[in-house]
Amino acid sequence: MNNKIDINKLPKIHIDTAHGAFNKYAMFFAFSSGQSTYAFSTSPLQMKLFIKLFSDNMEVYEKQFGKIDMSELDIISPIQPRDIRDGKR
């Protein structure tokens, strides 16, 4: 079954951090956004396909926009939990 997904109609979440782990049978990963964390698991085969999809997309992105500087990994989300809690936004 090959269902087409309109990516423009899906809700968007800004990822602040990513986490990953694995065992012999499954790959686990989680994305954090503010105070929320979304956890997923999948088979090693599906994870390999996932990585290939994103690697291929990254290659095209860098050809179009230039190589990404990985030395700047400390990116802070524009919306922090303290901003919402303190009523600043």
PDB file of N, CA and C in Angstrom:
ATOM      1  N   MET A   1       0.850  -1.171   0.000  1.00  0.00           N
ATOM      2  CA  MET A   1       0.000   0.000   0.000  1.00  0.00           C
ATOM      3  C   MET A   1       0.897   1.237   0.000  1.00  0.00           C
ATOM      4  N   ASN A   2       0.672   2.141  -0.941  1.00  0.00           N
ATOM      5  CA  ASN A   2       1.478   3.345  -1.055  1.00  0.00           C
ATOM      6  C   ASN A   2       0.566   4.562  -0.993  1.00  0.00           C
ATOM      7  N   ASN A   3       0.311   5.055   0.210  1.00  0.00           N
ATOM      8  CA  ASN A   3      -0.538   6.223   0.390  1.00  0.00           C
ATOM      9  C   ASN A   3       0.295   7.484   0.251  1.00  0.00           C
ATOM     10  N   LYS A   4      -0.140   8.401  -0.577  1.00  0.00           N
ATOM     11  CA  LYS A   4       0.539   9.684  -0.736  1.00  0.00           C
ATOM     12  C   LYS A   4       0.144  10.580   0.439  1.00  0.00           C
ATOM     13  N   ILE A   5       1.144  11.248   0.998  1.00  0.00           N
ATOM     14  CA  ILE A   5       0.918  12.157   2.126  1.00  0.00           C
ATOM     15  C   ILE A   5       1.247  13.572   1.676  1.00  0.00           C
ATOM     16  N   ASP A   6       0.336  14.504   1.902  1.00  0.00           N
ATOM     17  CA  ASP A   6       0.601  15.905   1.610  1.00  0.00           C
ATOM     18  C   ASP A   6       1.290  16.508   2.831  1.00  0.00           C
ATOM     19  N   ILE A   7       2.610  16.640   2.763  1.00  0.00           N
ATOM     20  CA  ILE A   7       3.402  17.109   3.901  1.00  0.00           C
ATOM     21  C   ILE A   7       2.978  18.506   4.345  1.00  0.00           C
ATOM     22  N   ASN A   8       2.408  19.297   3.438  1.00  0.00           N
ATOM     23  CA  ASN A   8       1.987  20.659   3.776  1.00  0.00           C
ATOM     24  C   ASN A   8       0.755  20.689   4.682  1.00  0.00           C
ATOM     25  N   LYS A   9       0.027  19.574   4.753  1.00  0.00           N
ATOM     26  CA  LYS A   9      -1.177  19.525   5.586  1.00  0.00           C
ATOM     27  C   LYS A   9      -0.912  18.953   6.978  1.00  0.00           C
ATOM     28  N   LEU A  10       0.312  18.486   7.231  1.00  0.00           N
ATOM     29  CA  LEU A  10       0.646  17.903   8.529  1.00  0.00           C
ATOM     30  C   LEU A  10       1.027  18.987   9.534  1.00  0.00           C
ATOM     31  N   PRO A  11       0.741  18.784  10.820  1.00  0.00           N
ATOM     32  CA  PRO A  11       1.182  19.754  11.827  1.00  0.00           C
ATOM     33  C   PRO A  11       2.711  19.757  11.911  1.00  0.00           C
ATOM     34  N   LYS A  12       3.292  20.902  12.205  1.00  0.00           N
ATOM     35  CA  LYS A  12       4.749  21.044  12.269  1.00  0.00           C
ATOM     36  C   LYS A  12       5.200  21.269  13.715  1.00  0.00           C
ATOM     37  N   ILE A  13       6.306  20.647  14.094  1.00  0.00           N
ATOM     38  CA  ILE A  13       6.898  20.785  15.420  1.00  0.00           C
ATOM     39  C   ILE A  13       8.371  21.114  15.232  1.00  0.00           C
ATOM     40  N   HIS A  14       8.854  22.171  15.892  1.00  0.00           N
ATOM     41  CA  HIS A  14      10.280  22.512  15.854  1.00  0.00           C
ATOM     42  C   HIS A  14      11.020  21.595  16.820  1.00  0.00           C
ATOM     43  N   ILE A  15      12.010  20.859  16.332  1.00  0.00           N
ATOM     44  CA  ILE A  15      12.766  19.919  17.173  1.00  0.00           C
ATOM     45  C   ILE A  15      13.938  20.641  17.809  1.00  0.00           C
ATOM     46  N   ASP A  16      13.994  20.618  19.147  1.00  0.00           N
ATOM     47  CA  ASP A  16      15.111  21.220  19.886  1.00  0.00           C
ATOM     48  C   ASP A  16      16.252  20.224  20.061  1.00  0.00           C
ATOM     49  N   THR A  17      15.913  18.985  20.399  1.00  0.00           N
ATOM     50  CA  THR A  17      16.929  17.952  20.618  1.00  0.00           C
ATOM     51  C   THR A  17      16.415  16.611  20.120  1.00  0.00           C
ATOM     52  N   ALA A  18      17.361  15.724  19.850  1.00  0.00           N
ATOM     53  CA  ALA A  18      17.023  14.374  19.411  1.00  0.00           C
ATOM     54  C   ALA A  18      17.810  13.377  20.242  1.00  0.00           C
ATOM     55  N   HIS A  19      17.204  12.235  20.498  1.00  0.00           N
ATOM     56  CA  HIS A  19      17.819  11.184  21.307  1.00  0.00           C
ATOM     57  C   HIS A  19      17.648   9.862  20.567  1.00  0.00           C
ATOM     58  N   GLY A  20      18.564   8.930  20.780  1.00  0.00           N
ATOM     59  CA  GLY A  20      18.433   7.645  20.117  1.00  0.00           C
ATOM     60  C   GLY A  20      19.026   6.512  20.931  1.00  0.00           C
ATOM     61  N   ALA A  21      18.534   5.313  20.698  1.00  0.00           N
ATOM     62  CA  ALA A  21      19.030   4.104  21.347  1.00  0.00           C
ATOM     63  C   ALA A  21      18.596   2.916  20.483  1.00  0.00           C
ATOM     64  N   PHE A  22      19.090   1.737  20.833  1.00  0.00           N
ATOM     65  CA  PHE A  22      18.710   0.557  20.074  1.00  0.00           C
ATOM     66  C   PHE A  22      18.951  -0.698  20.902  1.00  0.00           C
ATOM     67  N   ASN A  23      18.298  -1.765  20.485  1.00  0.00           N
ATOM     68  CA  ASN A  23      18.637  -3.104  20.951  1.00  0.00           C
ATOM     69  C   ASN A  23      18.696  -3.985  19.704  1.00  0.00           C
ATOM     70  N   LYS A  24      18.807  -5.276  19.870  1.00  0.00           N
ATOM     71  CA  LYS A  24      18.953  -6.162  18.712  1.00  0.00           C
ATOM     72  C   LYS A  24      17.752  -6.103  17.775  1.00  0.00           C
ATOM     73  N   TYR A  25      16.572  -5.801  18.287  1.00  0.00           N
ATOM     74  CA  TYR A  25      15.351  -5.924  17.513  1.00  0.00           C
ATOM     75  C   TYR A  25      14.693  -4.605  17.111  1.00  0.00           C
ATOM     76  N   ALA A  26      15.097  -3.508  17.724  1.00  0.00           N
ATOM     77  CA  ALA A  26      14.404  -2.243  17.453  1.00  0.00           C
ATOM     78  C   ALA A  26      15.349  -1.053  17.601  1.00  0.00           C
ATOM     79  N   MET A  27      15.010   0.005  16.894  1.00  0.00           N
ATOM     80  CA  MET A  27      15.696   1.286  17.002  1.00  0.00           C
ATOM     81  C   MET A  27      14.714   2.248  17.660  1.00  0.00           C
ATOM     82  N   PHE A  28      15.204   3.025  18.601  1.00  0.00           N
ATOM     83  CA  PHE A  28      14.364   3.971  19.335  1.00  0.00           C
ATOM     84  C   PHE A  28      14.912   5.372  19.123  1.00  0.00           C
ATOM     85  N   PHE A  29      14.019   6.329  18.952  1.00  0.00           N
ATOM     86  CA  PHE A  29      14.459   7.713  18.873  1.00  0.00           C
ATOM     87  C   PHE A  29      13.364   8.614  19.426  1.00  0.00           C
ATOM     88  N   ALA A  30      13.780   9.752  19.922  1.00  0.00           N
ATOM     89  CA  ALA A  30      12.842  10.704  20.497  1.00  0.00           C
ATOM     90  C   ALA A  30      13.258  12.107  20.089  1.00  0.00           C
ATOM     91  N   PHE A  31      12.277  12.953  19.866  1.00  0.00           N
ATOM     92  CA  PHE A  31      12.495  14.352  19.555  1.00  0.00           C
ATOM     93  C   PHE A  31      11.853  15.174  20.653  1.00  0.00           C
ATOM     94  N   SER A  32      12.574  16.181  21.119  1.00  0.00           N
ATOM     95  CA  SER A  32      12.034  17.085  22.131  1.00  0.00           C
ATOM     96  C   SER A  32      11.764  18.440  21.511  1.00  0.00           C
ATOM     97  N   SER A  33      10.666  19.034  21.925  1.00  0.00           N
ATOM     98  CA  SER A  33      10.288  20.374  21.508  1.00  0.00           C
ATOM     99  C   SER A  33       9.714  21.066  22.731  1.00  0.00           C
ATOM    100  N   GLY A  34      10.458  22.028  23.258  1.00  0.00           N
ATOM    101  CA  GLY A  34      10.029  22.671  24.497  1.00  0.00           C
ATOM    102  C   GLY A  34       9.985  21.644  25.606  1.00  0.00           C
ATOM    103  N   GLN A  35       8.846  21.509  26.274  1.00  0.00           N
ATOM    104  CA  GLN A  35       8.711  20.551  27.370  1.00  0.00           C
ATOM    105  C   GLN A  35       8.085  19.232  26.915  1.00  0.00           C
ATOM    106  N   SER A  36       7.853  19.077  25.625  1.00  0.00           N
ATOM    107  CA  SER A  36       7.245  17.862  25.098  1.00  0.00           C
ATOM    108  C   SER A  36       8.298  16.991  24.426  1.00  0.00           C
ATOM    109  N   THR A  37       8.173  15.684  24.624  1.00  0.00           N
ATOM    110  CA  THR A  37       9.047  14.724  23.955  1.00  0.00           C
ATOM    111  C   THR A  37       8.183  13.686  23.265  1.00  0.00           C
ATOM    112  N   TYR A  38       8.536  13.379  22.029  1.00  0.00           N
ATOM    113  CA  TYR A  38       7.799  12.433  21.217  1.00  0.00           C
ATOM    114  C   TYR A  38       8.717  11.259  20.929  1.00  0.00           C
ATOM    115  N   ALA A  39       8.356  10.069  21.380  1.00  0.00           N
ATOM    116  CA  ALA A  39       9.211   8.892  21.247  1.00  0.00           C
ATOM    117  C   ALA A  39       8.662   7.946  20.184  1.00  0.00           C
ATOM    118  N   PHE A  40       9.585   7.298  19.469  1.00  0.00           N
ATOM    119  CA  PHE A  40       9.235   6.389  18.386  1.00  0.00           C
ATOM    120  C   PHE A  40      10.121   5.161  18.459  1.00  0.00           C
ATOM    121  N   SER A  41       9.652   4.064  17.890  1.00  0.00           N
ATOM    122  CA  SER A  41      10.500   2.889  17.700  1.00  0.00           C
ATOM    123  C   SER A  41      10.168   2.308  16.332  1.00  0.00           C
ATOM    124  N   THR A  42      11.158   1.615  15.766  1.00  0.00           N
ATOM    125  CA  THR A  42      10.968   1.004  14.457  1.00  0.00           C
ATOM    126  C   THR A  42      11.966  -0.128  14.288  1.00  0.00           C
ATOM    127  N   SER A  43      11.825  -0.877  13.219  1.00  0.00           N
ATOM    128  CA  SER A  43      12.767  -1.959  12.950  1.00  0.00           C
ATOM    129  C   SER A  43      14.092  -1.368  12.445  1.00  0.00           C
ATOM    130  N   PRO A  44      15.186  -2.113  12.596  1.00  0.00           N
ATOM    131  CA  PRO A  44      16.461  -1.631  12.043  1.00  0.00           C
ATOM    132  C   PRO A  44      16.381  -1.375  10.532  1.00  0.00           C
ATOM    133  N   LEU A  45      15.661  -2.211   9.787  1.00  0.00           N
ATOM    134  CA  LEU A  45      15.519  -2.007   8.350  1.00  0.00           C
ATOM    135  C   LEU A  45      14.804  -0.685   8.058  1.00  0.00           C
ATOM    136  N   GLN A  46      13.706  -0.444   8.748  1.00  0.00           N
ATOM    137  CA  GLN A  46      12.962   0.798   8.525  1.00  0.00           C
ATOM    138  C   GLN A  46      13.811   2.009   8.910  1.00  0.00           C
ATOM    139  N   MET A  47      14.619   1.896   9.979  1.00  0.00           N
ATOM    140  CA  MET A  47      15.487   2.998  10.383  1.00  0.00           C
ATOM    141  C   MET A  47      16.525   3.276   9.296  1.00  0.00           C
ATOM    142  N   LYS A  48      17.067   2.217   8.700  1.00  0.00           N
ATOM    143  CA  LYS A  48      18.050   2.387   7.622  1.00  0.00           C
ATOM    144  C   LYS A  48      17.414   3.133   6.444  1.00  0.00           C
ATOM    145  N   LEU A  49      16.168   2.789   6.117  1.00  0.00           N
ATOM    146  CA  LEU A  49      15.452   3.494   5.052  1.00  0.00           C
ATOM    147  C   LEU A  49      15.200   4.953   5.429  1.00  0.00           C
ATOM    148  N   PHE A  50      14.845   5.196   6.678  1.00  0.00           N
ATOM    149  CA  PHE A  50      14.621   6.540   7.213  1.00  0.00           C
ATOM    150  C   PHE A  50      15.900   7.376   7.070  1.00  0.00           C
ATOM    151  N   ILE A  51      17.037   6.805   7.475  1.00  0.00           N
ATOM    152  CA  ILE A  51      18.316   7.505   7.397  1.00  0.00           C
ATOM    153  C   ILE A  51      18.680   7.799   5.935  1.00  0.00           C
ATOM    154  N   LYS A  52      18.451   6.840   5.056  1.00  0.00           N
ATOM    155  CA  LYS A  52      18.748   7.049   3.635  1.00  0.00           C
ATOM    156  C   LYS A  52      17.896   8.175   3.064  1.00  0.00           C
ATOM    157  N   LEU A  53      16.616   8.179   3.387  1.00  0.00           N
ATOM    158  CA  LEU A  53      15.723   9.235   2.914  1.00  0.00           C
ATOM    159  C   LEU A  53      16.251  10.602   3.324  1.00  0.00           C
ATOM    160  N   PHE A  54      16.587  10.754   4.605  1.00  0.00           N
ATOM    161  CA  PHE A  54      17.048  12.052   5.089  1.00  0.00           C
ATOM    162  C   PHE A  54      18.453  12.387   4.601  1.00  0.00           C
ATOM    163  N   SER A  55      19.309  11.394   4.442  1.00  0.00           N
ATOM    164  CA  SER A  55      20.652  11.632   3.896  1.00  0.00           C
ATOM    165  C   SER A  55      20.564  12.118   2.451  1.00  0.00           C
ATOM    166  N   ASP A  56      19.707  11.467   1.667  1.00  0.00           N
ATOM    167  CA  ASP A  56      19.519  11.893   0.281  1.00  0.00           C
ATOM    168  C   ASP A  56      18.973  13.320   0.211  1.00  0.00           C
ATOM    169  N   ASN A  57      18.004  13.637   1.075  1.00  0.00           N
ATOM    170  CA  ASN A  57      17.447  14.985   1.105  1.00  0.00           C
ATOM    171  C   ASN A  57      18.502  16.007   1.543  1.00  0.00           C
ATOM    172  N   MET A  58      19.344  15.631   2.514  1.00  0.00           N
ATOM    173  CA  MET A  58      20.379  16.544   2.985  1.00  0.00           C
ATOM    174  C   MET A  58      21.401  16.827   1.890  1.00  0.00           C
ATOM    175  N   GLU A  59      21.737  15.800   1.128  1.00  0.00           N
ATOM    176  CA  GLU A  59      22.684  15.973   0.023  1.00  0.00           C
ATOM    177  C   GLU A  59      22.147  16.986  -1.001  1.00  0.00           C
ATOM    178  N   VAL A  60      20.883  16.855  -1.359  1.00  0.00           N
ATOM    179  CA  VAL A  60      20.262  17.790  -2.301  1.00  0.00           C
ATOM    180  C   VAL A  60      20.207  19.194  -1.685  1.00  0.00           C
ATOM    181  N   TYR A  61      19.835  19.284  -0.414  1.00  0.00           N
ATOM    182  CA  TYR A  61      19.771  20.576   0.291  1.00  0.00           C
ATOM    183  C   TYR A  61      21.121  21.281   0.249  1.00  0.00           C
ATOM    184  N   GLU A  62      22.207  20.535   0.590  1.00  0.00           N
ATOM    185  CA  GLU A  62      23.534  21.152   0.633  1.00  0.00           C
ATOM    186  C   GLU A  62      24.034  21.536  -0.760  1.00  0.00           C
ATOM    187  N   LYS A  63      23.639  20.817  -1.786  1.00  0.00           N
ATOM    188  CA  LYS A  63      23.996  21.220  -3.151  1.00  0.00           C
ATOM    189  C   LYS A  63      23.320  22.540  -3.507  1.00  0.00           C
ATOM    190  N   GLN A  64      22.090  22.710  -3.007  1.00  0.00           N
ATOM    191  CA  GLN A  64      21.333  23.926  -3.333  1.00  0.00           C
ATOM    192  C   GLN A  64      21.714  25.103  -2.444  1.00  0.00           C
ATOM    193  N   PHE A  65      21.922  24.879  -1.150  1.00  0.00           N
ATOM    194  CA  PHE A  65      22.109  25.978  -0.202  1.00  0.00           C
ATOM    195  C   PHE A  65      23.499  26.053   0.425  1.00  0.00           C
ATOM    196  N   GLY A  66      24.360  25.078   0.174  1.00  0.00           N
ATOM    197  CA  GLY A  66      25.703  25.071   0.749  1.00  0.00           C
ATOM    198  C   GLY A  66      25.811  24.110   1.919  1.00  0.00           C
ATOM    199  N   LYS A  67      27.039  23.726   2.194  1.00  0.00           N
ATOM    200  CA  LYS A  67      27.325  22.759   3.262  1.00  0.00           C
ATOM    201  C   LYS A  67      26.941  23.328   4.624  1.00  0.00           C
ATOM    202  N   ILE A  68      26.380  22.505   5.474  1.00  0.00           N
ATOM    203  CA  ILE A  68      25.966  22.907   6.814  1.00  0.00           C
ATOM    204  C   ILE A  68      27.157  22.787   7.758  1.00  0.00           C
ATOM    205  N   ASP A  69      27.408  23.837   8.522  1.00  0.00           N
ATOM    206  CA  ASP A  69      28.496  23.866   9.489  1.00  0.00           C
ATOM    207  C   ASP A  69      28.038  23.157  10.765  1.00  0.00           C
ATOM    208  N   MET A  70      28.586  21.976  11.010  1.00  0.00           N
ATOM    209  CA  MET A  70      28.185  21.177  12.168  1.00  0.00           C
ATOM    210  C   MET A  70      28.853  21.635  13.464  1.00  0.00           C
ATOM    211  N   SER A  71      29.707  22.650  13.406  1.00  0.00           N
ATOM    212  CA  SER A  71      30.357  23.125  14.631  1.00  0.00           C
ATOM    213  C   SER A  71      29.408  23.951  15.489  1.00  0.00           C
ATOM    214  N   GLU A  72      28.260  24.343  14.941  1.00  0.00           N
ATOM    215  CA  GLU A  72      27.289  25.143  15.693  1.00  0.00           C
ATOM    216  C   GLU A  72      26.078  24.296  16.066  1.00  0.00           C
ATOM    217  N   LEU A  73      26.277  23.325  16.951  1.00  0.00           N
ATOM    218  CA  LEU A  73      25.176  22.433  17.334  1.00  0.00           C
ATOM    219  C   LEU A  73      24.343  22.945  18.501  1.00  0.00           C
ATOM    220  N   ASP A  74      24.756  24.020  19.140  1.00  0.00           N
ATOM    221  CA  ASP A  74      24.037  24.537  20.305  1.00  0.00           C
ATOM    222  C   ASP A  74      22.988  25.554  19.858  1.00  0.00           C
ATOM    223  N   ILE A  75      21.940  25.054  19.194  1.00  0.00           N
ATOM    224  CA  ILE A  75      20.877  25.916  18.685  1.00  0.00           C
ATOM    225  C   ILE A  75      19.765  25.970  19.723  1.00  0.00           C
ATOM    226  N   ILE A  76      19.364  27.160  20.081  1.00  0.00           N
ATOM    227  CA  ILE A  76      18.313  27.345  21.082  1.00  0.00           C
ATOM    228  C   ILE A  76      17.003  27.657  20.365  1.00  0.00           C
ATOM    229  N   SER A  77      15.962  26.944  20.746  1.00  0.00           N
ATOM    230  CA  SER A  77      14.648  27.172  20.163  1.00  0.00           C
ATOM    231  C   SER A  77      14.214  28.616  20.417  1.00  0.00           C
ATOM    232  N   PRO A  78      13.542  29.238  19.441  1.00  0.00           N
ATOM    233  CA  PRO A  78      13.063  30.606  19.656  1.00  0.00           C
ATOM    234  C   PRO A  78      11.971  30.702  20.715  1.00  0.00           C
ATOM    235  N   ILE A  79      11.343  29.593  21.047  1.00  0.00           N
ATOM    236  CA  ILE A  79      10.318  29.576  22.097  1.00  0.00           C
ATOM    237  C   ILE A  79      10.801  28.651  23.206  1.00  0.00           C
ATOM    238  N   GLN A  80      11.006  29.209  24.387  1.00  0.00           N
ATOM    239  CA  GLN A  80      11.461  28.448  25.538  1.00  0.00           C
ATOM    240  C   GLN A  80      10.315  28.287  26.539  1.00  0.00           C
ATOM    241  N   PRO A  81      10.288  27.195  27.292  1.00  0.00           N
ATOM    242  CA  PRO A  81       9.217  27.001  28.282  1.00  0.00           C
ATOM    243  C   PRO A  81       9.092  28.180  29.252  1.00  0.00           C
ATOM    244  N   ARG A  82      10.220  28.777  29.645  1.00  0.00           N
ATOM    245  CA  ARG A  82      10.161  29.899  30.590  1.00  0.00           C
ATOM    246  C   ARG A  82       9.432  31.102  29.990  1.00  0.00           C
ATOM    247  N   ASP A  83       9.506  31.283  28.650  1.00  0.00           N
ATOM    248  CA  ASP A  83       8.821  32.398  28.001  1.00  0.00           C
ATOM    249  C   ASP A  83       7.309  32.234  28.112  1.00  0.00           C
ATOM    250  N   ILE A  84       6.848  31.010  27.945  1.00  0.00           N
ATOM    251  CA  ILE A  84       5.414  30.753  28.034  1.00  0.00           C
ATOM    252  C   ILE A  84       4.962  30.830  29.490  1.00  0.00           C
ATOM    253  N   ARG A  85       5.729  30.228  30.380  1.00  0.00           N
ATOM    254  CA  ARG A  85       5.384  30.221  31.806  1.00  0.00           C
ATOM    255  C   ARG A  85       5.370  31.622  32.385  1.00  0.00           C
ATOM    256  N   ASP A  86       6.331  32.472  31.955  1.00  0.00           N
ATOM    257  CA  ASP A  86       6.432  33.835  32.481  1.00  0.00           C
ATOM    258  C   ASP A  86       5.519  34.815  31.759  1.00  0.00           C
ATOM    259  N   GLY A  87       4.768  34.332  30.780  1.00  0.00           N
ATOM    260  CA  GLY A  87       3.824  35.170  30.063  1.00  0.00           C
ATOM    261  C   GLY A  87       4.465  36.165  29.110  1.00  0.00           C
ATOM    262  N   LYS A  88       5.679  35.887  28.655  1.00  0.00           N
ATOM    263  CA  LYS A  88       6.372  36.810  27.751  1.00  0.00           C
ATOM    264  C   LYS A  88       5.924  36.667  26.312  1.00  0.00           C
ATOM    265  N   ARG A  89       5.194  35.604  26.001  1.00  0.00           N
ATOM    266  CA  ARG A  89       4.738  35.414  24.612  1.00  0.00           C
ATOM    267  C   ARG A  89       3.256  35.235  24.582  1.00  0.00           C
TER     268      ARG A  89
END
